């Protein structure tokens, strides 16, 4: 089976816009695997007070129960989300944003081996994307994405500090309303992934001189 990143790299090479050699800077990007789709609904209602009252063991059991309930919701929503949405939206948007600013992305699988010379090095640590409760009082739900990144001018052998990225879409809805119109769910995920990719690109462009 062809690894998702190998296939993606080949596609990006074909569509990469030509950039003048005298302004191009190479950026090496390493990422292990894409994030997993998740729904955080019942787990979002857990708070520190409940954990203290219930005790450590009780809180652990409750967390397991809530994770199981969230799993049921994930099974309801996941069929409406494209399997390749992370690659097609987040990765492509990041690639295009970097190209537009004079960077030439070099995607590598797993950890960077240091053999390829680059001007900037980026390590991505994907966590998850999907839907989660953003208001514990109203239980309104929004699309979200969460990951960490480390970037520097020198090869990153071991990321000592990772910058967290957590974004939620402005659009909110109740879970029941989401189930009534599942045709919009993939578009909501695409919107938040594209926004996150552009934010990451801007961070790199303005912080790595």
N, C-alpha and C. Protein backbone atom coordinates (compact mmCIF):
# COMPACT_ATOMS: atom_id res chain seq x y z
N UNK A 1 0.85 -1.20 0.00
CA UNK A 1 0.00 0.00 0.00
C UNK A 1 0.88 1.25 0.00
N UNK A 2 0.55 2.21 -0.84
CA UNK A 2 1.31 3.45 -0.90
C UNK A 2 0.94 4.33 0.28
N UNK A 3 1.95 4.78 1.00
CA UNK A 3 1.70 5.63 2.16
C UNK A 3 1.02 6.90 1.69
N UNK A 4 0.09 7.44 2.52
CA UNK A 4 -0.68 8.64 2.13
C UNK A 4 0.22 9.80 1.78
N UNK A 5 1.36 9.93 2.48
CA UNK A 5 2.23 11.07 2.24
C UNK A 5 3.03 10.90 0.95
N UNK A 6 3.37 9.65 0.58
CA UNK A 6 4.08 9.41 -0.67
C UNK A 6 3.22 9.82 -1.85
N UNK A 7 1.96 9.39 -1.83
CA UNK A 7 1.04 9.73 -2.91
C UNK A 7 0.81 11.24 -2.96
N UNK A 8 0.68 11.83 -1.78
CA UNK A 8 0.43 13.27 -1.71
C UNK A 8 1.62 14.05 -2.24
N UNK A 9 2.82 13.64 -1.88
CA UNK A 9 4.02 14.34 -2.33
C UNK A 9 4.11 14.34 -3.84
N UNK A 10 3.81 13.20 -4.45
CA UNK A 10 3.85 13.11 -5.92
C UNK A 10 2.86 14.08 -6.54
N UNK A 11 1.68 14.19 -5.95
CA UNK A 11 0.66 15.09 -6.48
C UNK A 11 1.08 16.55 -6.32
N UNK A 12 1.68 16.87 -5.19
CA UNK A 12 2.08 18.25 -4.94
C UNK A 12 3.21 18.69 -5.87
N UNK A 13 4.08 17.76 -6.22
CA UNK A 13 5.16 18.08 -7.14
C UNK A 13 4.59 18.49 -8.50
N UNK A 14 3.53 17.82 -8.91
CA UNK A 14 2.92 18.09 -10.21
C UNK A 14 2.23 19.45 -10.25
N UNK A 15 1.63 19.85 -9.12
CA UNK A 15 0.85 21.09 -9.12
C UNK A 15 1.62 22.27 -8.55
N UNK A 16 2.83 22.06 -8.10
CA UNK A 16 3.60 23.14 -7.48
C UNK A 16 3.84 24.26 -8.48
N UNK A 17 3.53 25.47 -8.06
CA UNK A 17 3.72 26.63 -8.93
C UNK A 17 5.19 26.98 -8.99
N UNK A 18 5.72 27.29 -10.18
CA UNK A 18 7.13 27.66 -10.29
C UNK A 18 7.43 28.95 -9.55
N UNK A 19 8.54 28.97 -8.83
CA UNK A 19 8.94 30.17 -8.09
C UNK A 19 10.36 30.52 -8.51
N UNK A 20 10.64 31.78 -8.67
CA UNK A 20 11.96 32.23 -9.09
C UNK A 20 13.04 31.69 -8.17
N UNK A 21 14.12 31.16 -8.74
CA UNK A 21 15.16 30.49 -7.96
C UNK A 21 15.83 31.44 -6.98
N UNK A 22 15.90 32.74 -7.32
CA UNK A 22 16.63 33.66 -6.44
C UNK A 22 15.82 34.07 -5.22
N UNK A 23 14.54 33.69 -5.14
CA UNK A 23 13.75 34.04 -3.97
C UNK A 23 13.21 32.80 -3.26
N UNK A 24 13.47 31.64 -3.83
CA UNK A 24 12.93 30.41 -3.25
C UNK A 24 13.72 29.97 -2.03
N UNK A 25 13.00 29.60 -0.99
CA UNK A 25 13.63 29.01 0.19
C UNK A 25 12.99 27.65 0.43
N UNK A 26 13.82 26.66 0.64
CA UNK A 26 13.31 25.30 0.85
C UNK A 26 12.85 25.14 2.29
N UNK A 27 11.69 24.52 2.46
CA UNK A 27 11.19 24.20 3.81
C UNK A 27 10.90 22.71 3.86
N UNK A 28 11.58 22.02 4.75
CA UNK A 28 11.40 20.58 4.90
C UNK A 28 10.31 20.32 5.95
N UNK A 29 9.30 19.58 5.56
CA UNK A 29 8.15 19.33 6.44
C UNK A 29 8.05 17.84 6.73
N UNK A 30 8.07 17.50 8.00
CA UNK A 30 7.94 16.09 8.38
C UNK A 30 6.69 15.91 9.22
N UNK A 31 6.00 14.81 8.96
CA UNK A 31 4.77 14.48 9.69
C UNK A 31 4.59 12.98 9.64
N UNK A 32 4.27 12.39 10.78
CA UNK A 32 4.14 10.94 10.85
C UNK A 32 2.87 10.46 10.15
N UNK A 33 1.74 10.88 10.65
CA UNK A 33 0.46 10.43 10.14
C UNK A 33 -0.56 11.55 10.26
N UNK A 34 -1.61 11.49 9.46
CA UNK A 34 -2.67 12.50 9.60
C UNK A 34 -3.42 12.30 10.91
N UNK A 35 -4.11 13.31 11.38
CA UNK A 35 -4.87 13.19 12.64
C UNK A 35 -6.12 12.34 12.44
N UNK A 36 -6.71 11.95 13.55
CA UNK A 36 -7.92 11.14 13.50
C UNK A 36 -9.16 12.01 13.67
N UNK A 37 -10.24 11.58 13.05
CA UNK A 37 -11.52 12.25 13.23
C UNK A 37 -12.06 11.92 14.61
N UNK A 38 -12.62 12.91 15.29
CA UNK A 38 -13.14 12.68 16.64
C UNK A 38 -14.35 13.58 16.89
N UNK A 39 -15.16 13.17 17.84
CA UNK A 39 -16.28 13.98 18.32
C UNK A 39 -16.15 14.07 19.82
N UNK A 40 -16.03 15.29 20.34
CA UNK A 40 -15.89 15.51 21.78
C UNK A 40 -17.17 16.20 22.25
N UNK A 41 -18.05 15.41 22.78
CA UNK A 41 -19.34 15.94 23.22
C UNK A 41 -19.53 15.70 24.72
N UNK A 42 -19.69 14.45 25.10
CA UNK A 42 -19.88 14.15 26.52
C UNK A 42 -18.62 14.42 27.33
N UNK A 43 -17.46 14.17 26.74
CA UNK A 43 -16.20 14.42 27.46
C UNK A 43 -16.01 15.90 27.76
N UNK A 44 -16.56 16.76 26.89
CA UNK A 44 -16.39 18.20 27.08
C UNK A 44 -17.15 18.70 28.30
N UNK A 45 -18.07 17.89 28.81
CA UNK A 45 -18.85 18.32 29.96
C UNK A 45 -18.17 17.99 31.28
N UNK A 46 -17.06 17.25 31.21
CA UNK A 46 -16.31 16.91 32.43
C UNK A 46 -15.51 18.12 32.89
N UNK A 47 -15.52 18.41 34.18
CA UNK A 47 -14.72 19.53 34.68
C UNK A 47 -13.96 19.10 35.93
N UNK A 48 -13.07 19.97 36.36
CA UNK A 48 -12.21 19.64 37.51
C UNK A 48 -13.02 19.40 38.77
N UNK A 49 -14.10 20.14 38.95
CA UNK A 49 -14.93 19.98 40.15
C UNK A 49 -15.53 18.58 40.20
N UNK A 50 -15.99 18.11 39.07
CA UNK A 50 -16.56 16.77 39.03
C UNK A 50 -15.52 15.72 39.35
N UNK A 51 -14.28 15.94 38.87
CA UNK A 51 -13.23 14.98 39.14
C UNK A 51 -12.90 14.93 40.62
N UNK A 52 -12.89 16.08 41.28
CA UNK A 52 -12.58 16.14 42.71
C UNK A 52 -13.67 15.45 43.52
N UNK A 53 -14.92 15.75 43.17
CA UNK A 53 -16.04 15.16 43.91
C UNK A 53 -16.10 13.65 43.72
N UNK A 54 -15.89 13.23 42.49
CA UNK A 54 -16.00 11.80 42.19
C UNK A 54 -14.79 11.01 42.63
N UNK A 55 -13.68 11.67 42.88
CA UNK A 55 -12.46 10.96 43.23
C UNK A 55 -11.76 10.50 41.96
N UNK A 56 -10.49 10.15 42.10
CA UNK A 56 -9.68 9.79 40.93
C UNK A 56 -10.24 8.55 40.24
N UNK A 57 -10.56 7.51 40.98
CA UNK A 57 -11.07 6.28 40.37
C UNK A 57 -12.43 6.53 39.74
N UNK A 58 -13.30 7.23 40.45
CA UNK A 58 -14.62 7.53 39.91
C UNK A 58 -14.54 8.38 38.65
N UNK A 59 -13.64 9.35 38.65
CA UNK A 59 -13.48 10.21 37.48
C UNK A 59 -12.98 9.42 36.29
N UNK A 60 -12.10 8.46 36.54
CA UNK A 60 -11.56 7.63 35.46
C UNK A 60 -12.65 6.78 34.83
N UNK A 61 -13.49 6.19 35.66
CA UNK A 61 -14.59 5.38 35.16
C UNK A 61 -15.56 6.24 34.36
N UNK A 62 -15.86 7.43 34.89
CA UNK A 62 -16.78 8.33 34.20
C UNK A 62 -16.22 8.77 32.86
N UNK A 63 -14.91 9.02 32.83
CA UNK A 63 -14.26 9.42 31.57
C UNK A 63 -14.39 8.33 30.52
N UNK A 64 -14.26 7.08 30.96
CA UNK A 64 -14.41 5.95 30.04
C UNK A 64 -15.82 5.85 29.49
N UNK A 65 -16.80 6.08 30.36
CA UNK A 65 -18.20 6.04 29.93
C UNK A 65 -18.46 7.13 28.90
N UNK A 66 -17.94 8.33 29.19
CA UNK A 66 -18.17 9.46 28.28
C UNK A 66 -17.47 9.25 26.95
N UNK A 67 -16.30 8.61 26.97
CA UNK A 67 -15.58 8.32 25.74
C UNK A 67 -16.38 7.34 24.88
N UNK A 68 -17.01 6.36 25.52
CA UNK A 68 -17.84 5.40 24.79
C UNK A 68 -19.04 6.09 24.15
N UNK A 69 -19.64 7.01 24.89
CA UNK A 69 -20.79 7.74 24.35
C UNK A 69 -20.38 8.63 23.19
N UNK A 70 -19.20 9.22 23.30
CA UNK A 70 -18.68 10.03 22.20
C UNK A 70 -18.39 9.17 20.97
N UNK A 71 -17.97 7.93 21.22
CA UNK A 71 -17.68 7.01 20.11
C UNK A 71 -18.93 6.77 19.27
N UNK A 72 -20.07 6.68 19.94
CA UNK A 72 -21.33 6.49 19.21
C UNK A 72 -21.62 7.70 18.32
N UNK A 73 -21.35 8.89 18.82
CA UNK A 73 -21.58 10.10 18.03
C UNK A 73 -20.58 10.18 16.87
N UNK A 74 -19.37 9.74 17.13
CA UNK A 74 -18.36 9.74 16.06
C UNK A 74 -18.80 8.82 14.91
N UNK A 75 -19.37 7.69 15.25
CA UNK A 75 -19.85 6.77 14.21
C UNK A 75 -21.00 7.37 13.41
N UNK A 76 -21.75 8.25 14.03
CA UNK A 76 -22.87 8.89 13.32
C UNK A 76 -22.38 9.95 12.32
N UNK A 77 -21.31 10.66 12.69
CA UNK A 77 -20.86 11.78 11.87
C UNK A 77 -19.76 11.42 10.88
N UNK A 78 -18.92 10.47 11.23
CA UNK A 78 -17.74 10.17 10.40
C UNK A 78 -18.07 9.81 8.95
N UNK A 79 -19.16 9.08 8.68
CA UNK A 79 -19.46 8.73 7.28
C UNK A 79 -19.69 9.95 6.38
N UNK A 80 -19.95 11.10 6.98
CA UNK A 80 -20.23 12.31 6.20
C UNK A 80 -18.98 13.17 5.98
N UNK A 81 -17.83 12.69 6.46
CA UNK A 81 -16.58 13.42 6.32
C UNK A 81 -15.66 12.66 5.36
N UNK A 82 -15.11 13.34 4.37
CA UNK A 82 -14.23 12.70 3.40
C UNK A 82 -12.99 12.13 4.08
N UNK A 83 -12.61 10.92 3.69
CA UNK A 83 -11.45 10.26 4.30
C UNK A 83 -10.16 11.04 4.08
N UNK A 84 -10.07 11.73 2.95
CA UNK A 84 -8.83 12.43 2.61
C UNK A 84 -8.92 13.94 2.83
N UNK A 85 -9.82 14.37 3.71
CA UNK A 85 -10.02 15.81 3.91
C UNK A 85 -8.77 16.48 4.47
N UNK A 86 -8.03 15.80 5.35
CA UNK A 86 -6.81 16.38 5.92
C UNK A 86 -5.78 16.64 4.82
N UNK A 87 -5.55 15.64 3.97
CA UNK A 87 -4.57 15.81 2.90
C UNK A 87 -5.03 16.84 1.88
N UNK A 88 -6.28 16.73 1.46
CA UNK A 88 -6.78 17.59 0.38
C UNK A 88 -6.96 19.04 0.79
N UNK A 89 -7.22 19.27 2.06
CA UNK A 89 -7.48 20.65 2.50
C UNK A 89 -6.32 21.21 3.31
N UNK A 90 -6.00 20.61 4.45
CA UNK A 90 -4.95 21.18 5.31
C UNK A 90 -3.60 21.17 4.60
N UNK A 91 -3.19 20.02 4.11
CA UNK A 91 -1.86 19.91 3.50
C UNK A 91 -1.77 20.74 2.23
N UNK A 92 -2.77 20.66 1.38
CA UNK A 92 -2.74 21.44 0.13
C UNK A 92 -2.76 22.95 0.40
N UNK A 93 -3.57 23.38 1.37
CA UNK A 93 -3.63 24.81 1.70
C UNK A 93 -2.30 25.30 2.25
N UNK A 94 -1.69 24.51 3.13
CA UNK A 94 -0.38 24.86 3.68
C UNK A 94 0.65 24.93 2.56
N UNK A 95 0.62 23.95 1.67
CA UNK A 95 1.56 23.90 0.55
C UNK A 95 1.42 25.15 -0.34
N UNK A 96 0.18 25.48 -0.68
CA UNK A 96 -0.07 26.64 -1.56
C UNK A 96 0.32 27.95 -0.89
N UNK A 97 0.03 28.07 0.41
CA UNK A 97 0.36 29.30 1.13
C UNK A 97 1.87 29.51 1.20
N UNK A 98 2.62 28.43 1.40
CA UNK A 98 4.07 28.53 1.46
C UNK A 98 4.66 28.85 0.09
N UNK A 99 4.14 28.20 -0.95
CA UNK A 99 4.60 28.47 -2.31
C UNK A 99 4.40 29.93 -2.68
N UNK A 100 3.24 30.47 -2.29
CA UNK A 100 2.91 31.85 -2.63
C UNK A 100 3.87 32.85 -1.99
N UNK A 101 4.50 32.44 -0.89
CA UNK A 101 5.43 33.33 -0.19
C UNK A 101 6.90 33.00 -0.48
N UNK A 102 7.14 32.19 -1.52
CA UNK A 102 8.51 31.93 -1.93
C UNK A 102 9.18 30.75 -1.27
N UNK A 103 8.40 29.88 -0.63
CA UNK A 103 8.95 28.67 -0.04
C UNK A 103 8.69 27.49 -0.96
N UNK A 104 9.63 26.55 -1.00
CA UNK A 104 9.44 25.33 -1.76
C UNK A 104 9.33 24.17 -0.76
N UNK A 105 8.12 23.69 -0.50
CA UNK A 105 7.94 22.60 0.49
C UNK A 105 8.57 21.30 0.03
N UNK A 106 9.23 20.64 0.96
CA UNK A 106 9.80 19.30 0.74
C UNK A 106 9.20 18.39 1.81
N UNK A 107 8.26 17.55 1.43
CA UNK A 107 7.57 16.69 2.38
C UNK A 107 8.33 15.40 2.59
N UNK A 108 8.55 15.03 3.84
CA UNK A 108 9.23 13.76 4.15
C UNK A 108 8.36 12.95 5.10
N UNK A 109 8.43 11.64 4.97
CA UNK A 109 7.65 10.78 5.85
C UNK A 109 8.40 10.55 7.16
N UNK A 110 7.65 10.53 8.24
CA UNK A 110 8.25 10.30 9.55
C UNK A 110 9.14 11.47 9.95
N UNK A 111 10.20 11.19 10.70
CA UNK A 111 11.09 12.24 11.17
C UNK A 111 12.09 12.59 10.08
N UNK A 112 12.45 13.85 10.03
CA UNK A 112 13.43 14.30 9.04
C UNK A 112 14.77 13.61 9.30
N UNK A 113 15.42 13.12 8.23
CA UNK A 113 16.67 12.40 8.42
C UNK A 113 17.89 13.31 8.35
N UNK A 114 17.67 14.57 8.03
CA UNK A 114 18.78 15.52 8.01
C UNK A 114 19.62 15.46 6.75
N UNK A 115 19.29 14.55 5.81
CA UNK A 115 20.08 14.42 4.59
C UNK A 115 19.76 15.55 3.61
N UNK A 116 18.51 15.96 3.55
CA UNK A 116 18.11 17.02 2.64
C UNK A 116 18.34 18.39 3.27
N UNK A 117 19.04 19.26 2.57
CA UNK A 117 19.33 20.59 3.09
C UNK A 117 18.13 21.50 2.84
N UNK A 118 17.74 22.26 3.86
CA UNK A 118 16.63 23.19 3.72
C UNK A 118 16.94 24.47 4.48
N UNK A 119 16.18 25.51 4.18
CA UNK A 119 16.35 26.79 4.86
C UNK A 119 15.52 26.85 6.15
N UNK A 120 14.42 26.12 6.14
CA UNK A 120 13.51 26.07 7.29
C UNK A 120 13.06 24.62 7.48
N UNK A 121 12.88 24.24 8.75
CA UNK A 121 12.44 22.88 9.06
C UNK A 121 11.16 22.95 9.89
N UNK A 122 10.21 22.14 9.50
CA UNK A 122 8.91 22.12 10.19
C UNK A 122 8.54 20.69 10.55
N UNK A 123 8.19 20.47 11.80
CA UNK A 123 7.67 19.19 12.25
C UNK A 123 6.22 19.37 12.67
N UNK A 124 5.36 18.53 12.13
CA UNK A 124 3.94 18.57 12.48
C UNK A 124 3.59 17.38 13.37
N UNK A 125 2.83 17.66 14.40
CA UNK A 125 2.37 16.62 15.32
C UNK A 125 0.84 16.66 15.35
N UNK A 126 0.19 15.99 14.39
CA UNK A 126 -1.28 16.03 14.31
C UNK A 126 -1.92 15.37 15.52
N UNK A 127 -3.03 15.92 15.95
CA UNK A 127 -3.79 15.34 17.07
C UNK A 127 -5.13 14.83 16.54
N UNK A 128 -6.07 15.75 16.33
CA UNK A 128 -7.39 15.33 15.85
C UNK A 128 -8.13 16.49 15.22
N UNK A 129 -9.18 16.17 14.50
CA UNK A 129 -10.10 17.17 13.97
C UNK A 129 -11.49 16.56 14.01
N UNK A 130 -12.50 17.39 13.96
CA UNK A 130 -13.86 16.86 14.01
C UNK A 130 -14.82 17.89 14.56
N UNK A 131 -15.64 17.48 15.52
CA UNK A 131 -16.62 18.37 16.13
C UNK A 131 -16.55 18.25 17.64
N UNK A 132 -16.74 19.36 18.33
CA UNK A 132 -16.72 19.32 19.78
C UNK A 132 -17.61 20.42 20.35
N UNK A 133 -18.04 20.19 21.59
CA UNK A 133 -18.83 21.20 22.31
C UNK A 133 -17.93 22.39 22.61
N UNK A 134 -18.40 23.58 22.24
CA UNK A 134 -17.63 24.80 22.50
C UNK A 134 -18.31 25.68 23.54
N UNK A 135 -19.51 25.31 23.96
CA UNK A 135 -20.22 26.04 25.01
C UNK A 135 -20.90 25.00 25.90
N UNK A 136 -20.34 24.80 27.10
CA UNK A 136 -20.85 23.77 28.00
C UNK A 136 -22.23 24.08 28.55
N UNK A 137 -22.65 25.33 28.45
CA UNK A 137 -23.98 25.70 28.94
C UNK A 137 -25.07 25.38 27.92
N UNK A 138 -24.80 25.72 26.67
CA UNK A 138 -25.80 25.49 25.63
C UNK A 138 -25.57 24.18 24.86
N UNK A 139 -24.37 23.59 25.06
CA UNK A 139 -23.96 22.37 24.34
C UNK A 139 -23.92 22.58 22.83
N UNK A 140 -23.57 23.79 22.43
CA UNK A 140 -23.40 24.07 21.01
C UNK A 140 -22.09 23.46 20.52
N UNK A 141 -22.12 22.97 19.29
CA UNK A 141 -20.99 22.22 18.73
C UNK A 141 -20.41 22.96 17.53
N UNK A 142 -19.08 22.89 17.37
CA UNK A 142 -18.41 23.49 16.22
C UNK A 142 -17.35 22.54 15.69
N UNK A 143 -16.99 22.73 14.43
CA UNK A 143 -15.87 21.99 13.85
C UNK A 143 -14.58 22.49 14.49
N UNK A 144 -13.60 21.61 14.67
CA UNK A 144 -12.33 22.00 15.28
C UNK A 144 -11.18 21.20 14.68
N UNK A 145 -9.97 21.69 14.91
CA UNK A 145 -8.75 20.95 14.58
C UNK A 145 -7.72 21.27 15.66
N UNK A 146 -6.93 20.28 15.99
CA UNK A 146 -5.91 20.44 17.04
C UNK A 146 -4.63 19.72 16.62
N UNK A 147 -3.50 20.45 16.71
CA UNK A 147 -2.21 19.85 16.39
C UNK A 147 -1.11 20.69 17.02
N UNK A 148 0.11 20.21 16.96
CA UNK A 148 1.27 20.95 17.44
C UNK A 148 2.29 21.06 16.32
N UNK A 149 3.14 22.06 16.40
CA UNK A 149 4.16 22.25 15.37
C UNK A 149 5.44 22.80 15.99
N UNK A 150 6.55 22.44 15.38
CA UNK A 150 7.84 23.00 15.76
C UNK A 150 8.55 23.40 14.48
N UNK A 151 9.12 24.60 14.43
CA UNK A 151 9.79 25.04 13.22
C UNK A 151 11.04 25.86 13.60
N UNK A 152 12.08 25.75 12.76
CA UNK A 152 13.35 26.41 13.06
C UNK A 152 14.19 26.49 11.80
N UNK A 153 15.29 27.26 11.88
CA UNK A 153 16.21 27.39 10.75
C UNK A 153 17.17 26.21 10.67
N UNK A 154 17.34 25.49 11.76
CA UNK A 154 18.24 24.34 11.80
C UNK A 154 17.43 23.06 11.91
N UNK A 155 17.98 21.92 11.49
CA UNK A 155 17.26 20.65 11.61
C UNK A 155 16.82 20.39 13.05
N UNK A 156 15.61 19.91 13.20
CA UNK A 156 15.05 19.65 14.53
C UNK A 156 15.23 18.17 14.85
N UNK A 157 16.23 17.86 15.66
CA UNK A 157 16.47 16.46 16.02
C UNK A 157 15.47 15.99 17.07
N UNK A 158 15.18 16.87 18.00
CA UNK A 158 14.19 16.56 19.04
C UNK A 158 13.50 17.87 19.41
N UNK A 159 12.20 17.91 19.16
CA UNK A 159 11.46 19.15 19.42
C UNK A 159 11.36 19.39 20.92
N UNK A 160 12.09 20.39 21.41
CA UNK A 160 12.07 20.70 22.83
C UNK A 160 10.80 21.45 23.22
N UNK A 161 10.30 22.26 22.31
CA UNK A 161 9.07 22.98 22.57
C UNK A 161 8.20 22.93 21.32
N UNK A 162 6.93 22.63 21.52
CA UNK A 162 5.99 22.54 20.42
C UNK A 162 4.92 23.61 20.60
N UNK A 163 4.62 24.29 19.52
CA UNK A 163 3.60 25.33 19.57
C UNK A 163 2.23 24.70 19.33
N UNK A 164 1.30 24.85 20.27
CA UNK A 164 -0.02 24.25 20.09
C UNK A 164 -0.90 25.10 19.19
N UNK A 165 -1.67 24.43 18.36
CA UNK A 165 -2.65 25.08 17.49
C UNK A 165 -4.01 24.43 17.75
N UNK A 166 -4.97 25.24 18.13
CA UNK A 166 -6.32 24.74 18.36
C UNK A 166 -7.30 25.77 17.81
N UNK A 167 -8.05 25.39 16.79
CA UNK A 167 -8.99 26.31 16.17
C UNK A 167 -10.37 25.68 16.12
N UNK A 168 -11.38 26.52 16.32
CA UNK A 168 -12.76 26.09 16.15
C UNK A 168 -13.44 27.01 15.14
N UNK A 169 -14.39 26.46 14.41
CA UNK A 169 -15.11 27.24 13.41
C UNK A 169 -16.08 28.18 14.12
N UNK A 170 -16.37 29.31 13.48
CA UNK A 170 -17.31 30.27 14.06
C UNK A 170 -18.73 29.74 14.07
N UNK A 171 -19.04 28.89 13.12
CA UNK A 171 -20.39 28.37 13.03
C UNK A 171 -20.66 27.39 14.17
N UNK A 172 -21.79 27.57 14.85
CA UNK A 172 -22.17 26.69 15.95
C UNK A 172 -23.58 26.15 15.71
N UNK A 173 -23.80 24.94 16.20
CA UNK A 173 -25.12 24.32 16.06
C UNK A 173 -25.29 23.27 17.15
N UNK A 174 -26.51 22.91 17.43
CA UNK A 174 -26.75 21.83 18.38
C UNK A 174 -26.47 20.51 17.66
N UNK A 175 -26.17 19.49 18.43
CA UNK A 175 -25.86 18.20 17.81
C UNK A 175 -27.06 17.66 17.04
N UNK A 176 -28.24 17.84 17.58
CA UNK A 176 -29.45 17.35 16.91
C UNK A 176 -29.66 18.06 15.57
N UNK A 177 -29.37 19.36 15.51
CA UNK A 177 -29.51 20.10 14.25
C UNK A 177 -28.48 19.62 13.22
N UNK A 178 -27.28 19.28 13.70
CA UNK A 178 -26.26 18.77 12.80
C UNK A 178 -26.70 17.48 12.12
N UNK A 179 -27.37 16.63 12.88
CA UNK A 179 -27.83 15.35 12.33
C UNK A 179 -28.95 15.55 11.30
N UNK A 180 -29.67 16.65 11.41
CA UNK A 180 -30.76 16.92 10.48
C UNK A 180 -30.25 17.34 9.10
N UNK A 181 -29.04 17.94 9.06
CA UNK A 181 -28.46 18.37 7.79
C UNK A 181 -26.98 18.00 7.75
N UNK A 182 -26.71 16.73 7.47
CA UNK A 182 -25.33 16.25 7.47
C UNK A 182 -24.57 16.66 6.21
N UNK A 183 -25.26 17.23 5.22
CA UNK A 183 -24.60 17.59 3.96
C UNK A 183 -23.58 18.71 4.13
N UNK A 184 -23.69 19.46 5.21
CA UNK A 184 -22.79 20.61 5.42
C UNK A 184 -21.57 20.26 6.28
N UNK A 185 -21.55 19.08 6.86
CA UNK A 185 -20.51 18.75 7.84
C UNK A 185 -19.11 18.74 7.24
N UNK A 186 -18.96 18.15 6.07
CA UNK A 186 -17.63 18.09 5.46
C UNK A 186 -17.12 19.49 5.15
N UNK A 187 -18.01 20.37 4.68
CA UNK A 187 -17.61 21.74 4.38
C UNK A 187 -17.14 22.48 5.62
N UNK A 188 -17.74 22.20 6.77
CA UNK A 188 -17.34 22.86 8.01
C UNK A 188 -15.95 22.41 8.43
N UNK A 189 -15.67 21.11 8.24
CA UNK A 189 -14.34 20.60 8.55
C UNK A 189 -13.31 21.22 7.60
N UNK A 190 -13.65 21.31 6.32
CA UNK A 190 -12.74 21.91 5.35
C UNK A 190 -12.40 23.35 5.72
N UNK A 191 -13.40 24.10 6.16
CA UNK A 191 -13.19 25.51 6.50
C UNK A 191 -12.20 25.68 7.64
N UNK A 192 -12.35 24.87 8.69
CA UNK A 192 -11.47 25.04 9.85
C UNK A 192 -10.06 24.50 9.55
N UNK A 193 -9.94 23.47 8.71
CA UNK A 193 -8.63 22.95 8.34
C UNK A 193 -7.87 23.97 7.48
N UNK A 194 -8.57 24.60 6.55
CA UNK A 194 -7.93 25.61 5.70
C UNK A 194 -7.47 26.80 6.54
N UNK A 195 -8.30 27.23 7.48
CA UNK A 195 -7.94 28.35 8.35
C UNK A 195 -6.70 28.00 9.18
N UNK A 196 -6.65 26.79 9.70
CA UNK A 196 -5.51 26.37 10.51
C UNK A 196 -4.23 26.32 9.69
N UNK A 197 -4.32 25.83 8.46
CA UNK A 197 -3.15 25.75 7.59
C UNK A 197 -2.61 27.14 7.27
N UNK A 198 -3.50 28.07 6.98
CA UNK A 198 -3.07 29.44 6.69
C UNK A 198 -2.44 30.10 7.91
N UNK A 199 -2.99 29.83 9.09
CA UNK A 199 -2.41 30.40 10.31
C UNK A 199 -1.02 29.85 10.56
N UNK A 200 -0.84 28.55 10.34
CA UNK A 200 0.48 27.96 10.52
C UNK A 200 1.47 28.55 9.51
N UNK A 201 1.05 28.69 8.27
CA UNK A 201 1.94 29.27 7.25
C UNK A 201 2.36 30.68 7.63
N UNK A 202 1.44 31.49 8.11
CA UNK A 202 1.76 32.86 8.52
C UNK A 202 2.75 32.87 9.67
N UNK A 203 2.59 31.94 10.62
CA UNK A 203 3.51 31.85 11.75
C UNK A 203 4.92 31.60 11.25
N UNK A 204 5.04 30.68 10.32
CA UNK A 204 6.35 30.33 9.78
C UNK A 204 6.94 31.50 9.00
N UNK A 205 6.14 32.08 8.14
CA UNK A 205 6.60 33.17 7.26
C UNK A 205 7.12 34.35 8.06
N UNK A 206 6.42 34.72 9.14
CA UNK A 206 6.78 35.93 9.89
C UNK A 206 7.72 35.69 11.07
N UNK A 207 7.83 34.44 11.52
CA UNK A 207 8.67 34.16 12.68
C UNK A 207 10.00 33.53 12.36
N UNK A 208 10.12 32.94 11.18
CA UNK A 208 11.40 32.33 10.79
C UNK A 208 11.99 33.20 9.70
N UNK A 209 12.92 34.04 10.08
CA UNK A 209 13.52 34.98 9.12
C UNK A 209 14.77 34.40 8.48
